[in-house]
Amino acid sequence: FKAFARAIKMAVRKDDSGIMPSTKG
């Protein structure tokens, strides 16, 4: 559960680019 939480923390981090994180768009 702790590892899951830290993975979530990393994955939902947001930058200011507003770019879709996928080559498919």
PDB file of all heavy atoms in Angstrom:
ATOM      1  N   PHE A   1       0.827  -1.204   0.000  1.00  0.00           N
ATOM      2  CA  PHE A   1       0.000   0.000   0.000  1.00  0.00           C
ATOM      3  C   PHE A   1       0.865   1.260   0.000  1.00  0.00           C
ATOM      4  O   PHE A   1       0.543   2.250  -0.667  1.00  0.00           O
ATOM      5  CB  PHE A   1      -0.949  -0.008   1.197  1.00  0.00           C
ATOM      6  CG  PHE A   1      -2.251  -0.721   0.946  1.00  0.00           C
ATOM      7  CD1 PHE A   1      -2.363  -2.080   1.137  1.00  0.00           C
ATOM      8  CD2 PHE A   1      -3.360  -0.029   0.497  1.00  0.00           C
ATOM      9  CE1 PHE A   1      -3.555  -2.752   0.895  1.00  0.00           C
ATOM     10  CE2 PHE A   1      -4.560  -0.678   0.252  1.00  0.00           C
ATOM     11  CZ  PHE A   1      -4.663  -2.048   0.457  1.00  0.00           C
ATOM     12  N   LYS A   2       1.986   1.238   0.755  1.00  0.00           N
ATOM     13  CA  LYS A   2       2.872   2.391   0.757  1.00  0.00           C
ATOM     14  C   LYS A   2       3.525   2.588  -0.612  1.00  0.00           C
ATOM     15  O   LYS A   2       3.639   3.713  -1.106  1.00  0.00           O
ATOM     16  CB  LYS A   2       3.950   2.216   1.835  1.00  0.00           C
ATOM     17  CG  LYS A   2       3.460   2.391   3.261  1.00  0.00           C
ATOM     18  CD  LYS A   2       4.594   2.204   4.259  1.00  0.00           C
ATOM     19  CE  LYS A   2       4.117   2.434   5.688  1.00  0.00           C
ATOM     20  NZ  LYS A   2       5.190   2.209   6.685  1.00  0.00           N
ATOM     21  N   ALA A   3       3.966   1.480  -1.209  1.00  0.00           N
ATOM     22  CA  ALA A   3       4.568   1.566  -2.533  1.00  0.00           C
ATOM     23  C   ALA A   3       3.560   2.068  -3.556  1.00  0.00           C
ATOM     24  O   ALA A   3       3.868   2.899  -4.419  1.00  0.00           O
ATOM     25  CB  ALA A   3       5.104   0.193  -2.947  1.00  0.00           C
ATOM     26  N   PHE A   4       2.333   1.582  -3.445  1.00  0.00           N
ATOM     27  CA  PHE A   4       1.245   2.033  -4.318  1.00  0.00           C
ATOM     28  C   PHE A   4       1.030   3.544  -4.156  1.00  0.00           C
ATOM     29  O   PHE A   4       0.882   4.280  -5.137  1.00  0.00           O
ATOM     30  CB  PHE A   4      -0.016   1.258  -3.953  1.00  0.00           C
ATOM     31  CG  PHE A   4      -1.277   1.722  -4.629  1.00  0.00           C
ATOM     32  CD1 PHE A   4      -1.434   1.595  -5.998  1.00  0.00           C
ATOM     33  CD2 PHE A   4      -2.319   2.265  -3.880  1.00  0.00           C
ATOM     34  CE1 PHE A   4      -2.609   2.000  -6.615  1.00  0.00           C
ATOM     35  CE2 PHE A   4      -3.493   2.666  -4.482  1.00  0.00           C
ATOM     36  CZ  PHE A   4      -3.637   2.548  -5.865  1.00  0.00           C
ATOM     37  N   ALA A   5       1.057   4.006  -2.919  1.00  0.00           N
ATOM     38  CA  ALA A   5       0.856   5.433  -2.651  1.00  0.00           C
ATOM     39  C   ALA A   5       1.962   6.281  -3.266  1.00  0.00           C
ATOM     40  O   ALA A   5       1.699   7.325  -3.884  1.00  0.00           O
ATOM     41  CB  ALA A   5       0.795   5.671  -1.136  1.00  0.00           C
ATOM     42  N   ARG A   6       3.227   5.833  -3.117  1.00  0.00           N
ATOM     43  CA  ARG A   6       4.339   6.605  -3.677  1.00  0.00           C
ATOM     44  C   ARG A   6       4.306   6.584  -5.197  1.00  0.00           C
ATOM     45  O   ARG A   6       4.687   7.565  -5.852  1.00  0.00           O
ATOM     46  CB  ARG A   6       5.670   6.055  -3.155  1.00  0.00           C
ATOM     47  CG  ARG A   6       5.836   6.159  -1.643  1.00  0.00           C
ATOM     48  CD  ARG A   6       5.659   7.589  -1.142  1.00  0.00           C
ATOM     49  NE  ARG A   6       6.710   8.467  -1.616  1.00  0.00           N
ATOM     50  CZ  ARG A   6       7.848   8.703  -0.961  1.00  0.00           C
ATOM     51  NH1 ARG A   6       8.062   8.115   0.212  1.00  0.00           N
ATOM     52  NH2 ARG A   6       8.743   9.524  -1.455  1.00  0.00           N
ATOM     53  N   ALA A   7       3.853   5.479  -5.765  1.00  0.00           N
ATOM     54  CA  ALA A   7       3.712   5.413  -7.222  1.00  0.00           C
ATOM     55  C   ALA A   7       2.640   6.394  -7.701  1.00  0.00           C
ATOM     56  O   ALA A   7       2.796   7.081  -8.712  1.00  0.00           O
ATOM     57  CB  ALA A   7       3.368   3.989  -7.655  1.00  0.00           C
ATOM     58  N   ILE A   8       1.526   6.448  -6.955  1.00  0.00           N
ATOM     59  CA  ILE A   8       0.460   7.413  -7.279  1.00  0.00           C
ATOM     60  C   ILE A   8       0.999   8.833  -7.204  1.00  0.00           C
ATOM     61  O   ILE A   8       0.747   9.671  -8.091  1.00  0.00           O
ATOM     62  CB  ILE A   8      -0.737   7.240  -6.326  1.00  0.00           C
ATOM     63  CG1 ILE A   8      -1.555   6.007  -6.712  1.00  0.00           C
ATOM     64  CG2 ILE A   8      -1.632   8.479  -6.348  1.00  0.00           C
ATOM     65  CD1 ILE A   8      -2.709   5.736  -5.765  1.00  0.00           C
ATOM     66  N   LYS A   9       1.717   9.126  -6.123  1.00  0.00           N
ATOM     67  CA  LYS A   9       2.260  10.475  -5.938  1.00  0.00           C
ATOM     68  C   LYS A   9       3.091  10.900  -7.142  1.00  0.00           C
ATOM     69  O   LYS A   9       3.010  12.049  -7.607  1.00  0.00           O
ATOM     70  CB  LYS A   9       3.107  10.511  -4.661  1.00  0.00           C
ATOM     71  CG  LYS A   9       3.684  11.875  -4.335  1.00  0.00           C
ATOM     72  CD  LYS A   9       4.495  11.817  -3.044  1.00  0.00           C
ATOM     73  CE  LYS A   9       5.064  13.202  -2.703  1.00  0.00           C
ATOM     74  NZ  LYS A   9       5.864  13.143  -1.450  1.00  0.00           N
ATOM     75  N   MET A  10       3.885   9.969  -7.663  1.00  0.00           N
ATOM     76  CA  MET A  10       4.725  10.265  -8.818  1.00  0.00           C
ATOM     77  C   MET A  10       3.885  10.426 -10.090  1.00  0.00           C
ATOM     78  O   MET A  10       4.083  11.349 -10.877  1.00  0.00           O
ATOM     79  CB  MET A  10       5.738   9.133  -8.999  1.00  0.00           C
ATOM     80  CG  MET A  10       6.831   9.407 -10.030  1.00  0.00           C
ATOM     81  SD  MET A  10       7.933   7.977 -10.199  1.00  0.00           S
ATOM     82  CE  MET A  10       8.553   7.828  -8.540  1.00  0.00           C
ATOM     83  N   ALA A  11       2.918   9.540 -10.261  1.00  0.00           N
ATOM     84  CA  ALA A  11       2.160   9.500 -11.514  1.00  0.00           C
ATOM     85  C   ALA A  11       1.186  10.664 -11.677  1.00  0.00           C
ATOM     86  O   ALA A  11       0.930  11.110 -12.801  1.00  0.00           O
ATOM     87  CB  ALA A  11       1.397   8.181 -11.619  1.00  0.00           C
ATOM     88  N   VAL A  12       0.625  11.158 -10.567  1.00  0.00           N
ATOM     89  CA  VAL A  12      -0.373  12.242 -10.694  1.00  0.00           C
ATOM     90  C   VAL A  12       0.278  13.617 -10.632  1.00  0.00           C
ATOM     91  O   VAL A  12      -0.411  14.635 -10.757  1.00  0.00           O
ATOM     92  CB  VAL A  12      -1.472  12.147  -9.601  1.00  0.00           C
ATOM     93  CG1 VAL A  12      -2.166  10.803  -9.676  1.00  0.00           C
ATOM     94  CG2 VAL A  12      -0.908  12.395  -8.202  1.00  0.00           C
ATOM     95  N   ARG A  13       1.605  13.659 -10.414  1.00  0.00           N
ATOM     96  CA  ARG A  13       2.305  14.944 -10.403  1.00  0.00           C
ATOM     97  C   ARG A  13       2.025  15.668 -11.710  1.00  0.00           C
ATOM     98  O   ARG A  13       2.073  15.081 -12.793  1.00  0.00           O
ATOM     99  CB  ARG A  13       3.796  14.722 -10.203  1.00  0.00           C
ATOM    100  CG  ARG A  13       4.599  16.019 -10.006  1.00  0.00           C
ATOM    101  CD  ARG A  13       6.071  15.714  -9.876  1.00  0.00           C
ATOM    102  NE  ARG A  13       6.328  14.851  -8.719  1.00  0.00           N
ATOM    103  CZ  ARG A  13       7.158  13.816  -8.751  1.00  0.00           C
ATOM    104  NH1 ARG A  13       7.757  13.481  -9.875  1.00  0.00           N
ATOM    105  NH2 ARG A  13       7.356  13.106  -7.666  1.00  0.00           N
ATOM    106  N   LYS A  14       1.773  16.968 -11.624  1.00  0.00           N
ATOM    107  CA  LYS A  14       1.346  17.725 -12.804  1.00  0.00           C
ATOM    108  C   LYS A  14       2.321  18.861 -13.084  1.00  0.00           C
ATOM    109  O   LYS A  14       2.760  19.565 -12.172  1.00  0.00           O
ATOM    110  CB  LYS A  14      -0.054  18.286 -12.574  1.00  0.00           C
ATOM    111  CG  LYS A  14      -0.746  18.770 -13.834  1.00  0.00           C
ATOM    112  CD  LYS A  14      -2.204  19.105 -13.559  1.00  0.00           C
ATOM    113  CE  LYS A  14      -2.923  19.495 -14.847  1.00  0.00           C
ATOM    114  NZ  LYS A  14      -4.344  19.823 -14.625  1.00  0.00           N
ATOM    115  N   ASP A  15       2.655  19.020 -14.363  1.00  0.00           N
ATOM    116  CA  ASP A  15       3.468  20.180 -14.748  1.00  0.00           C
ATOM    117  C   ASP A  15       2.556  21.231 -15.369  1.00  0.00           C
ATOM    118  O   ASP A  15       1.335  21.078 -15.415  1.00  0.00           O
ATOM    119  CB  ASP A  15       4.594  19.760 -15.712  1.00  0.00           C
ATOM    120  CG  ASP A  15       4.052  19.100 -16.981  1.00  0.00           C
ATOM    121  OD1 ASP A  15       2.973  19.512 -17.452  1.00  0.00           O
ATOM    122  OD2 ASP A  15       4.708  18.174 -17.495  1.00  0.00           O
ATOM    123  N   ASP A  16       3.126  22.308 -15.846  1.00  0.00           N
ATOM    124  CA  ASP A  16       2.324  23.402 -16.395  1.00  0.00           C
ATOM    125  C   ASP A  16       2.165  23.328 -17.904  1.00  0.00           C
ATOM    126  O   ASP A  16       1.591  24.227 -18.523  1.00  0.00           O
ATOM    127  CB  ASP A  16       2.966  24.754 -16.029  1.00  0.00           C
ATOM    128  CG  ASP A  16       2.985  24.989 -14.523  1.00  0.00           C
ATOM    129  OD1 ASP A  16       2.024  24.554 -13.863  1.00  0.00           O
ATOM    130  OD2 ASP A  16       3.951  25.606 -14.031  1.00  0.00           O
ATOM    131  N   SER A  17       2.637  22.241 -18.495  1.00  0.00           N
ATOM    132  CA  SER A  17       2.611  22.168 -19.957  1.00  0.00           C
ATOM    133  C   SER A  17       1.221  21.926 -20.509  1.00  0.00           C
ATOM    134  O   SER A  17       0.873  22.398 -21.598  1.00  0.00           O
ATOM    135  CB  SER A  17       3.544  21.041 -20.431  1.00  0.00           C
ATOM    136  OG  SER A  17       3.013  19.767 -20.039  1.00  0.00           O
ATOM    137  N   GLY A  18       0.399  21.191 -19.738  1.00  0.00           N
ATOM    138  CA  GLY A  18      -0.923  20.850 -20.241  1.00  0.00           C
ATOM    139  C   GLY A  18      -0.885  19.874 -21.397  1.00  0.00           C
ATOM    140  O   GLY A  18      -1.876  19.697 -22.120  1.00  0.00           O
ATOM    141  N   ILE A  19       0.260  19.210 -21.589  1.00  0.00           N
ATOM    142  CA  ILE A  19       0.417  18.287 -22.712  1.00  0.00           C
ATOM    143  C   ILE A  19      -0.164  16.933 -22.356  1.00  0.00           C
ATOM    144  O   ILE A  19       0.003  16.433 -21.243  1.00  0.00           O
ATOM    145  CB  ILE A  19       1.919  18.144 -23.076  1.00  0.00           C
ATOM    146  CG1 ILE A  19       2.470  19.492 -23.557  1.00  0.00           C
ATOM    147  CG2 ILE A  19       2.119  17.061 -24.131  1.00  0.00           C
ATOM    148  CD1 ILE A  19       3.972  19.482 -23.765  1.00  0.00           C
ATOM    149  N   MET A  20      -0.862  16.319 -23.310  1.00  0.00           N
ATOM    150  CA  MET A  20      -1.382  14.968 -23.124  1.00  0.00           C
ATOM    151  C   MET A  20      -0.207  13.993 -23.105  1.00  0.00           C
ATOM    152  O   MET A  20       0.574  13.943 -24.066  1.00  0.00           O
ATOM    153  CB  MET A  20      -2.332  14.613 -24.262  1.00  0.00           C
ATOM    154  CG  MET A  20      -2.934  13.227 -24.158  1.00  0.00           C
ATOM    155  SD  MET A  20      -4.030  13.047 -22.741  1.00  0.00           S
ATOM    156  CE  MET A  20      -5.358  14.143 -23.224  1.00  0.00           C
ATOM    157  N   PRO A  21      -0.049  13.221 -22.024  1.00  0.00           N
ATOM    158  CA  PRO A  21       1.105  12.319 -21.916  1.00  0.00           C
ATOM    159  C   PRO A  21       0.921  11.047 -22.746  1.00  0.00           C
ATOM    160  O   PRO A  21       0.986   9.933 -22.244  1.00  0.00           O
ATOM    161  CB  PRO A  21       1.166  12.021 -20.419  1.00  0.00           C
ATOM    162  CG  PRO A  21      -0.243  12.096 -19.973  1.00  0.00           C
ATOM    163  CD  PRO A  21      -0.875  13.174 -20.813  1.00  0.00           C
ATOM    164  N   SER A  22       0.701  11.220 -24.044  1.00  0.00           N
ATOM    165  CA  SER A  22       0.509  10.076 -24.937  1.00  0.00           C
ATOM    166  C   SER A  22       0.779  10.519 -26.366  1.00  0.00           C
ATOM    167  O   SER A  22       0.344  11.605 -26.785  1.00  0.00           O
ATOM    168  CB  SER A  22      -0.921   9.543 -24.831  1.00  0.00           C
ATOM    169  OG  SER A  22      -1.175   8.585 -25.829  1.00  0.00           O
ATOM    170  N   THR A  23       1.486   9.691 -27.112  1.00  0.00           N
ATOM    171  CA  THR A  23       1.747  10.012 -28.517  1.00  0.00           C
ATOM    172  C   THR A  23       0.470   9.940 -29.341  1.00  0.00           C
ATOM    173  O   THR A  23       0.400  10.499 -30.431  1.00  0.00           O
ATOM    174  CB  THR A  23       2.784   9.030 -29.103  1.00  0.00           C
ATOM    175  OG1 THR A  23       2.311   7.686 -28.888  1.00  0.00           O
ATOM    176  CG2 THR A  23       4.136   9.203 -28.415  1.00  0.00           C
ATOM    177  N   LYS A  24      -0.560   9.298 -28.810  1.00  0.00           N
ATOM    178  CA  LYS A  24      -1.839   9.205 -29.516  1.00  0.00           C
ATOM    179  C   LYS A  24      -2.672  10.469 -29.361  1.00  0.00           C
ATOM    180  O   LYS A  24      -3.672  10.648 -30.052  1.00  0.00           O
ATOM    181  CB  LYS A  24      -2.637   8.000 -29.008  1.00  0.00           C
ATOM    182  CG  LYS A  24      -1.963   6.656 -29.267  1.00  0.00           C
ATOM    183  CD  LYS A  24      -2.802   5.521 -28.704  1.00  0.00           C
ATOM    184  CE  LYS A  24      -2.136   4.175 -28.937  1.00  0.00           C
ATOM    185  NZ  LYS A  24      -2.931   3.052 -28.391  1.00  0.00           N
ATOM    186  N   GLY A  25      -2.296  11.284 -28.369  1.00  0.00           N
ATOM    187  CA  GLY A  25      -3.041  12.516 -28.147  1.00  0.00           C
ATOM    188  C   GLY A  25      -4.292  12.355 -27.322  1.00  0.00           C
ATOM    189  O   GLY A  25      -5.049  13.301 -27.138  1.00  0.00           O
TER     190      GLY A  25
END
